[in-house]
């Protein structure tokens, strides 16, 4: 099983940066046979505007490799564009 890029990835456009090393998971609803990975401090993820600030502890995010796993939003800070 692998995470495949989805056709609507560009909708995930709100940048957040990892405040410390943290993990992503493939599917929080399936604790068995779980895909997991590492996001390093300072790495950027992108969130969908309809999903920011709502929902469960795990939030779907686009990673730099354009996959869509789930992250814990509390481990990230919003990137401010000036």
Protein backbone atom coordinates (compact mmCIF):
# COMPACT_ATOMS: atom_id res chain seq x y z
CA UNK A 1 0.00 0.00 0.00
CA UNK A 2 1.32 3.45 -0.84
CA UNK A 3 0.05 7.00 -0.75
CA UNK A 4 -0.81 8.16 -4.25
CA UNK A 5 -0.95 11.81 -5.38
CA UNK A 6 -4.52 13.00 -5.90
CA UNK A 7 -5.70 15.17 -8.82
CA UNK A 8 -6.90 18.01 -6.54
CA UNK A 9 -3.56 18.53 -4.75
CA UNK A 10 -3.27 22.19 -5.73
CA UNK A 11 -6.27 22.93 -3.50
CA UNK A 12 -4.00 22.22 -0.52
CA UNK A 13 -2.45 25.70 -0.59
CA UNK A 14 -2.14 26.99 3.00
CA UNK A 15 1.45 26.51 4.14
CA UNK A 16 2.39 25.33 7.63
CA UNK A 17 5.87 24.61 8.97
CA UNK A 18 6.84 21.86 11.43
CA UNK A 19 7.87 23.29 14.82
CA UNK A 20 9.75 20.06 15.67
CA UNK A 21 10.25 16.59 14.24
CA UNK A 22 6.84 14.93 14.01
CA UNK A 23 5.16 12.05 12.20
CA UNK A 24 2.51 11.57 9.57
CA UNK A 25 0.22 8.55 9.26
CA UNK A 26 -1.55 7.10 6.26
CA UNK A 27 -5.01 6.66 7.77
CA UNK A 28 -5.95 7.49 11.38
CA UNK A 29 -9.10 5.37 11.08
CA UNK A 30 -7.05 2.21 10.47
CA UNK A 31 -4.61 1.53 13.34
CA UNK A 32 -3.68 -1.86 11.90
CA UNK A 33 -0.99 -2.01 9.20
CA UNK A 34 -0.44 1.74 9.44
CA UNK A 35 1.87 3.68 7.12
CA UNK A 36 3.94 6.22 9.06
CA UNK A 37 6.66 8.67 8.18
CA UNK A 38 8.72 11.53 9.55
CA UNK A 39 8.39 15.26 8.95
CA UNK A 40 11.51 17.13 10.06
CA UNK A 41 11.50 20.41 11.94
CA UNK A 42 11.23 23.29 9.46
CA UNK A 43 9.64 21.24 6.66
CA UNK A 44 6.56 22.71 5.02
CA UNK A 45 3.19 21.03 4.55
CA UNK A 46 0.06 22.45 2.88
CA UNK A 47 -3.51 22.29 4.14
CA UNK A 48 -6.82 22.57 2.32
CA UNK A 49 -8.64 25.83 3.21
CA UNK A 50 -11.86 23.94 4.03
CA UNK A 51 -10.04 21.73 6.55
CA UNK A 52 -7.89 24.23 8.49
CA UNK A 53 -8.78 24.61 12.14
CA UNK A 54 -11.54 22.03 12.16
CA UNK A 55 -11.86 18.34 12.53
CA UNK A 56 -10.15 15.73 14.66
CA UNK A 57 -6.62 15.66 16.00
CA UNK A 58 -5.40 14.27 12.67
CA UNK A 59 -5.69 16.61 9.66
CA UNK A 60 -5.06 15.66 6.04
CA UNK A 61 -2.13 17.56 4.53
CA UNK A 62 -0.11 17.66 1.31
CA UNK A 63 3.57 16.89 1.79
CA UNK A 64 6.46 18.05 -0.39
CA UNK A 65 6.29 14.74 -2.29
CA UNK A 66 2.62 15.56 -3.12
CA UNK A 67 1.14 12.73 -1.06
CA UNK A 68 -1.83 13.25 1.28
CA UNK A 69 -1.24 11.64 4.68
CA UNK A 70 -2.55 12.91 8.02
CA UNK A 71 -0.65 15.10 10.49
CA UNK A 72 -1.27 16.52 13.95
CA UNK A 73 -1.84 20.22 13.31
CA UNK A 74 -0.64 21.20 16.80
CA UNK A 75 2.91 20.31 15.64
CA UNK A 76 2.86 23.06 12.97
CA UNK A 77 2.70 26.83 12.71
CA UNK A 78 1.16 28.76 9.85
CA UNK A 79 3.63 30.29 7.40
CA UNK A 80 2.98 34.03 7.26
CA UNK A 81 3.46 35.55 3.78
CA UNK A 82 4.29 39.22 3.89
